[in-house]
Protein backbone atom coordinates (compact mmCIF):
# COMPACT_ATOMS: atom_id res chain seq x y z
CA MET A 1 -74.81 -2.01 5.59
CA ARG A 2 -74.67 1.53 4.16
CA ILE A 3 -78.15 2.27 5.59
CA THR A 4 -77.03 1.03 9.02
CA ILE A 5 -73.98 3.34 8.97
CA ILE A 6 -76.11 6.33 7.95
CA LEU A 7 -78.63 5.68 10.71
CA PHE A 8 -75.82 5.27 13.26
CA SER A 9 -74.29 8.61 12.17
CA ILE A 10 -77.63 10.37 12.51
CA VAL A 11 -78.02 9.03 16.06
CA ILE A 12 -74.56 10.37 16.96
CA LEU A 13 -75.30 13.80 15.51
CA ILE A 14 -78.58 14.01 17.41
CA ALA A 15 -76.85 13.01 20.64
CA VAL A 16 -74.13 15.63 20.16
CA ALA A 17 -76.70 18.30 19.39
CA PHE A 18 -78.29 17.79 22.80
CA VAL A 19 -75.06 17.83 24.82
CA PRO A 20 -74.95 21.06 26.92
CA ILE A 21 -72.80 23.62 25.13
CA THR A 22 -70.86 24.42 28.32
CA GLN A 23 -69.06 21.11 27.88
CA PHE A 24 -67.54 22.35 24.64
CA VAL A 25 -67.02 26.11 25.10
CA PRO A 26 -65.20 27.18 28.28
CA VAL A 27 -66.65 30.35 29.75
CA SER A 28 -64.31 32.97 31.20
CA VAL A 29 -65.46 35.53 33.73
CA TYR A 30 -62.51 37.70 32.75
CA ALA A 31 -62.48 38.20 28.99
CA THR A 32 -65.16 39.63 26.78
CA LYS A 33 -64.24 37.39 23.85
CA PRO A 34 -62.60 33.98 23.45
CA HIS A 35 -58.90 33.84 24.18
CA SER A 36 -56.52 33.27 21.30
CA ARG A 37 -52.82 33.52 20.77
CA HIS A 38 -53.40 37.08 19.48
CA CYS A 39 -55.44 38.37 22.43
CA GLY A 40 -54.52 39.93 25.73
CA CYS A 41 -55.36 37.16 28.20
CA LEU A 42 -55.59 37.16 31.97
CA THR A 43 -52.88 34.86 33.24
CA GLY A 44 -53.02 35.37 37.01
CA ASN A 45 -53.83 37.57 39.96
CA PHE A 46 -52.56 38.26 43.46
CA THR A 47 -53.27 40.61 46.36
CA VAL A 48 -51.44 43.67 47.69
CA GLY A 49 -52.33 46.42 50.18
CA GLY A 50 -55.41 48.62 50.32
CA SER A 51 -56.47 50.52 47.19
CA PRO A 52 -53.34 50.53 45.00
CA TYR A 53 -53.19 53.47 42.59
CA GLY A 54 -49.84 54.06 40.93
CA VAL A 55 -47.93 51.15 39.38
CA GLY A 56 -44.27 51.16 38.40
CA VAL A 57 -42.30 48.44 36.63
CA ASN A 58 -38.58 47.79 36.27
CA PRO A 59 -38.21 45.90 32.97
CA ILE A 60 -34.68 44.82 33.88
CA THR A 61 -35.39 43.22 37.26
CA HIS A 62 -39.08 42.52 36.45
CA MET A 63 -40.05 43.92 39.82
CA VAL A 64 -43.40 45.72 40.06
CA TYR A 65 -44.21 48.44 42.59
CA PHE A 66 -47.71 49.28 43.81
CA ALA A 67 -48.59 52.41 45.82
CA ASN A 68 -51.16 51.26 48.41
CA HIS A 69 -53.00 54.48 49.14
CA PHE A 70 -54.95 53.43 52.24
CA THR A 71 -52.27 51.35 53.97
CA ASN A 72 -49.36 53.80 53.48
CA THR A 73 -47.18 51.11 51.95
CA VAL A 74 -45.58 50.07 48.68
CA SER A 75 -45.91 46.44 47.68
CA VAL A 76 -43.01 44.95 45.72
CA ALA A 77 -43.95 42.00 43.53
CA ASP A 78 -41.82 39.65 41.48
CA GLY A 79 -43.40 40.04 38.07
CA GLU A 80 -42.15 36.67 36.86
CA ASN A 81 -44.11 34.61 39.40
CA ASN A 82 -46.76 37.07 40.68
CA THR A 83 -45.69 37.01 44.31
CA VAL A 84 -45.23 39.88 46.76
CA VAL A 85 -41.63 39.84 48.00
CA ALA A 86 -41.62 42.97 50.17
CA THR A 87 -43.89 45.58 51.74
CA ILE A 88 -42.32 48.98 52.38
CA SER A 89 -43.72 51.64 54.71
CA VAL A 90 -43.74 55.11 53.15
CA GLY A 91 -45.55 58.38 53.82
CA SER A 92 -49.28 58.97 54.17
CA GLY A 93 -51.43 58.35 51.12
CA PRO A 94 -48.94 57.02 48.53
CA TYR A 95 -50.21 57.66 45.02
CA GLY A 96 -47.81 57.89 42.08
CA VAL A 97 -44.86 55.61 41.28
CA ALA A 98 -41.93 56.10 38.93
CA VAL A 99 -39.05 53.67 38.37
CA ASP A 100 -35.56 54.49 37.14
CA ASP A 101 -34.42 51.20 35.61
CA VAL A 102 -30.89 52.56 35.14
CA THR A 103 -30.24 53.35 38.82
CA ASN A 104 -32.80 50.87 40.18
CA MET A 105 -34.42 53.60 42.25
CA ILE A 106 -38.16 53.99 42.84
CA TYR A 107 -39.96 57.25 43.54
CA VAL A 108 -43.33 57.39 45.31
CA THR A 109 -45.47 60.45 46.01
CA ASN A 110 -47.25 60.61 49.36
CA THR A 111 -50.29 62.82 48.86
CA ASN A 112 -51.35 63.35 52.49
CA SER A 113 -47.88 63.98 53.91
CA GLY A 114 -46.61 66.14 51.02
CA THR A 115 -43.50 64.05 50.52
CA LEU A 116 -41.59 61.97 48.01
CA SER A 117 -40.21 58.62 49.16
CA VAL A 118 -37.04 57.40 47.45
CA ILE A 119 -36.66 53.62 47.55
CA SER A 120 -33.64 51.54 46.67
CA GLY A 121 -34.65 48.64 44.47
CA SER A 122 -31.60 46.66 45.51
CA ASN A 123 -32.67 46.26 49.15
CA ASN A 124 -36.29 47.60 49.20
CA THR A 125 -35.60 50.29 51.76
CA VAL A 126 -36.44 54.00 51.85
CA VAL A 127 -33.18 55.91 51.41
CA ALA A 128 -34.59 59.46 51.40
CA THR A 129 -37.78 61.40 52.09
CA LEU A 130 -38.19 64.82 50.50
CA HIS A 131 -40.82 67.45 51.30
CA VAL A 132 -42.07 68.51 47.87
CA GLY A 133 -45.19 70.57 48.58
CA GLN A 134 -48.91 70.18 49.00
CA SER A 135 -50.68 67.03 47.79
CA PRO A 136 -48.17 65.52 45.36
CA ILE A 137 -49.80 63.04 42.98
CA GLY A 138 -47.90 62.26 39.79
CA VAL A 139 -44.20 61.53 39.38
CA GLY A 140 -41.96 60.75 36.43
CA VAL A 141 -38.26 60.15 35.93
CA ASP A 142 -35.88 60.86 33.07
CA THR A 143 -33.61 57.81 33.01
CA VAL A 144 -31.01 59.63 30.87
CA THR A 145 -30.60 62.82 32.91
CA ASP A 146 -31.47 61.22 36.28
CA MET A 147 -33.98 63.98 36.98
CA VAL A 148 -37.29 63.36 38.75
CA TYR A 149 -40.43 65.44 38.19
CA VAL A 150 -43.13 65.63 40.87
CA ALA A 151 -46.60 67.15 40.39
CA ALA A 152 -47.40 68.96 43.64
CA GLU A 153 -49.44 72.00 42.52
CA ALA A 154 -46.18 73.18 40.98
CA VAL A 155 -43.79 70.81 39.21
CA VAL A 156 -40.91 70.06 41.57
CA VAL A 157 -37.66 68.97 39.93
CA VAL A 158 -35.47 66.62 41.96
CA SER A 159 -31.94 65.50 41.18
CA GLY A 160 -31.83 61.73 41.41
CA SER A 161 -28.08 61.74 41.93
CA ASN A 162 -28.24 63.45 45.35
CA ASN A 163 -31.99 63.56 46.14
CA THR A 164 -32.19 67.33 46.34
CA ILE A 165 -34.76 69.75 44.90
CA VAL A 166 -33.22 71.81 42.11
CA ASP A 167 -36.18 73.69 40.62
CA HIS A 168 -39.90 74.57 40.84
CA LEU A 169 -42.14 75.23 37.85
CA LEU A 170 -45.41 77.10 38.39
CA LEU A 171 -47.80 76.12 35.60
CA GLY A 172 -50.64 78.36 36.74
CA PHE A 173 -53.19 75.58 36.24
CA GLY A 174 -52.15 73.08 38.86
CA ALA A 175 -50.22 69.88 38.18
CA ASN A 176 -51.63 66.38 38.51
CA PHE A 177 -49.87 63.54 36.68
CA VAL A 178 -46.51 63.22 34.95
CA ALA A 179 -44.91 61.28 32.11
CA VAL A 180 -41.41 61.65 30.69
CA ASN A 181 -39.86 60.91 27.31
CA SER A 182 -36.22 60.23 28.15
CA ILE A 183 -35.24 60.14 24.48
CA THR A 184 -36.43 63.68 23.74
CA ASP A 185 -35.86 64.99 27.30
CA THR A 186 -39.45 66.20 27.45
CA VAL A 187 -41.87 66.17 30.38
CA TYR A 188 -45.66 66.03 30.10
CA VAL A 189 -47.92 67.14 32.97
CA THR A 190 -51.72 66.96 33.08
CA THR A 191 -53.38 70.04 34.54
CA ALA A 192 -56.68 70.99 36.14
CA VAL A 193 -57.93 72.84 33.03
CA ASN A 194 -58.17 69.79 30.76
CA GLY A 195 -54.72 70.28 29.38
CA VAL A 196 -51.19 68.96 29.17
CA SER A 197 -48.22 71.22 29.79
CA VAL A 198 -45.15 70.27 27.75
CA ILE A 199 -41.88 71.01 29.52
CA SER A 200 -38.35 70.97 28.11
CA GLY A 201 -36.13 69.02 30.48
CA ALA A 202 -33.10 70.86 29.16
CA ASN A 203 -34.07 74.19 30.72
CA ASN A 204 -37.25 73.41 32.71
CA THR A 205 -39.48 75.73 30.72
CA VAL A 206 -42.98 75.20 29.33
CA ILE A 207 -42.77 74.99 25.53
CA ALA A 208 -46.37 74.10 24.69
CA ARG A 209 -49.85 73.50 26.09
CA VAL A 210 -52.23 70.97 24.59
CA HIS A 211 -55.97 70.81 25.19
CA VAL A 212 -57.25 67.26 25.87
CA GLY A 213 -60.42 65.62 27.21
CA ILE A 214 -62.20 66.39 30.45
CA ALA A 215 -60.33 65.76 33.72
CA PRO A 216 -57.18 63.99 32.45
CA SER A 217 -55.66 61.70 35.05
CA PHE A 218 -52.70 59.40 34.42
CA ILE A 219 -50.59 60.07 31.34
CA ALA A 220 -48.24 57.74 29.43
CA VAL A 221 -45.52 58.11 26.81
CA ASP A 222 -44.40 55.79 24.04
CA SER A 223 -40.79 56.86 23.56
CA ARG A 224 -40.35 54.87 20.36
CA THR A 225 -43.20 56.54 18.50
CA ASN A 226 -42.97 59.84 20.40
CA MET A 227 -46.67 59.65 21.23
CA ILE A 228 -48.36 60.72 24.47
CA TYR A 229 -51.67 59.41 25.78
CA THR A 230 -53.95 60.86 28.47
CA ALA A 231 -56.77 59.04 30.26
CA ASP A 232 -59.60 61.59 30.24
CA THR A 233 -61.66 60.55 33.23
CA GLU A 234 -64.87 62.51 32.77
CA SER A 235 -65.12 62.42 28.96
CA ASN A 236 -64.45 58.65 28.81
CA THR A 237 -61.77 59.11 26.17
CA VAL A 238 -58.06 58.73 25.57
CA THR A 239 -56.34 61.65 23.85
CA ALA A 240 -53.39 60.79 21.59
CA ILE A 241 -50.82 63.58 21.24
CA SER A 242 -47.94 63.78 18.79
CA GLY A 243 -44.74 64.63 20.61
CA GLU A 244 -43.30 65.96 17.36
CA THR A 245 -45.95 68.62 16.83
CA ASN A 246 -47.48 68.85 20.33
CA SER A 247 -50.93 68.50 18.80
CA VAL A 248 -53.84 66.09 19.24
CA VAL A 249 -53.98 63.43 16.52
CA ALA A 250 -56.87 61.33 17.85
CA THR A 251 -59.55 61.20 20.53
CA ILE A 252 -60.46 57.59 21.27
CA PRO A 253 -63.66 56.56 23.11
CA VAL A 254 -62.99 53.98 25.83
CA GLY A 255 -64.83 52.66 28.89
CA GLN A 256 -66.30 54.57 31.80
CA ASN A 257 -64.00 56.66 33.99
CA PRO A 258 -60.61 55.80 32.43
CA PHE A 259 -57.95 56.36 35.07
CA GLY A 260 -54.71 54.41 34.74
CA ILE A 261 -52.84 54.18 31.43
CA ASP A 262 -49.56 52.76 30.13
CA THR A 263 -47.96 51.78 26.83
CA ASP A 264 -46.25 48.71 25.45
CA ALA A 265 -43.63 50.37 23.26
CA LYS A 266 -42.45 47.12 21.71
CA LYS A 267 -45.90 46.24 20.38
CA ASN A 268 -47.18 49.82 20.03
CA LEU A 269 -50.18 49.20 22.28
CA VAL A 270 -51.91 51.34 24.90
CA TYR A 271 -53.62 49.84 27.95
CA VAL A 272 -56.33 51.82 29.77
CA ALA A 273 -57.90 51.04 33.15
CA ASP A 274 -61.59 51.91 32.89
CA GLU A 275 -62.51 52.12 36.55
CA ASP A 276 -66.31 52.32 36.46
CA SER A 277 -66.88 49.84 33.63
CA GLN A 278 -64.46 47.40 35.29
CA ASN A 279 -62.40 46.62 32.22
CA VAL A 280 -59.12 47.27 30.44
CA THR A 281 -59.28 48.81 26.98
CA VAL A 282 -56.49 47.92 24.56
CA ILE A 283 -55.70 50.49 21.87
CA SER A 284 -53.54 50.05 18.79
CA GLY A 285 -51.00 52.86 18.62
CA ARG A 286 -50.78 52.39 14.86
CA SER A 287 -54.43 53.05 14.13
CA ASN A 288 -55.55 54.76 17.36
CA THR A 289 -58.49 52.40 17.56
CA VAL A 290 -59.72 50.02 20.25
CA ILE A 291 -58.75 46.45 19.39
CA GLU A 292 -59.86 44.66 22.55
CA THR A 293 -61.72 45.07 25.82
CA ILE A 294 -60.86 42.81 28.75
CA ALA A 295 -63.39 42.56 31.58
CA LEU A 296 -62.30 42.37 35.21
CA GLN A 297 -64.01 41.47 38.47
CA TYR A 298 -63.13 44.71 40.26
CA HIS A 299 -62.57 48.40 39.54
CA PRO A 300 -59.13 48.91 37.93
CA THR A 301 -57.10 51.95 38.90
CA GLY A 302 -53.46 51.81 37.82
CA ILE A 303 -51.57 49.99 35.06
CA GLY A 304 -47.90 49.16 34.59
CA VAL A 305 -46.41 47.32 31.60
CA ASP A 306 -43.17 45.34 31.70
CA GLN A 307 -41.61 46.47 28.43
CA ALA A 308 -39.38 43.39 28.29
CA THR A 309 -42.00 40.68 28.84
CA ASP A 310 -45.19 42.48 27.66
CA ARG A 311 -46.87 41.54 30.94
CA VAL A 312 -49.48 44.07 32.00
CA ASN A 313 -50.06 44.60 35.73
CA VAL A 314 -53.49 46.06 36.54
CA ALA A 315 -54.13 47.36 40.05
CA SER A 316 -57.73 47.30 41.21
CA PHE A 317 -59.81 48.25 44.22
CA PRO A 318 -59.70 46.97 46.92
CA GLY A 319 -56.27 45.37 46.35
CA THR A 320 -56.29 42.69 43.65
CA ILE A 321 -53.66 42.77 40.91
CA PHE A 322 -54.64 41.24 37.57
CA VAL A 323 -51.89 40.12 35.20
CA ILE A 324 -52.49 40.24 31.46
CA SER A 325 -50.24 38.70 28.84
CA GLY A 326 -49.99 41.08 25.91
CA PRO A 327 -51.25 39.99 22.49
């Protein structure tokens, strides 16, 4: 009887050994390693307009805003169910997006028309259009002071309370992308000479300049840790800057042509859209090291994180939005 059982077990083991492995290990075309409860996993995707660049998120309403550069529109998506709920016509060549979650106002730069569109999040309509200068790209908002900062060669300062221009700051090196720390009232602007200009929001003066990687594009701030991160497009790195000392604390290799970047302040993570390698790099803000790489089907451009739900919205060319659940 014992010999019969042993022979039967051997037959089963041999049969299992020859079963195709694809029946046991599901293969994902999205992730570079098996999903687990600790990983950033792709949970959905949907489509917006042509070539979305900037992404803005309101963590209170969970609405996500995508600047569709080639269709001159902003797509509004409900971040809780991944559906587009509105499409708003703006100026020509929309690029950057900033969201004031206190006033529920959205600010979009229109590169080709030299304007800033101001959108009400309560009814998804444009309530003001401001001429801000030549080729505006980046935009950031201080949710405490209600001031908006637009990179349009100079840095144009707009009062969010009445939608009027109150100041211009000439950096001397151009101005490309903007991030704001509302806790410290400090503005960070990437420039054309591989640098970041640090501006005091209290008096609109440059207080420091920091050298970063080659051709920095989007820039992000973690207000909790007072850290700033630049996506250095041509050096394939992310530069981590201490907001306390205005100095570089780490240079982190990522994928090819990093472009979009955002932080998850609650989990101290940084998400980077590596456009040419078609992946998202996840960086630990604690160690300044890469902890995960998530492969995509298309070229990612912009990233926006919902700080309340940890959902990461990745815009890609030609118009697919990938949704990642944070680890």
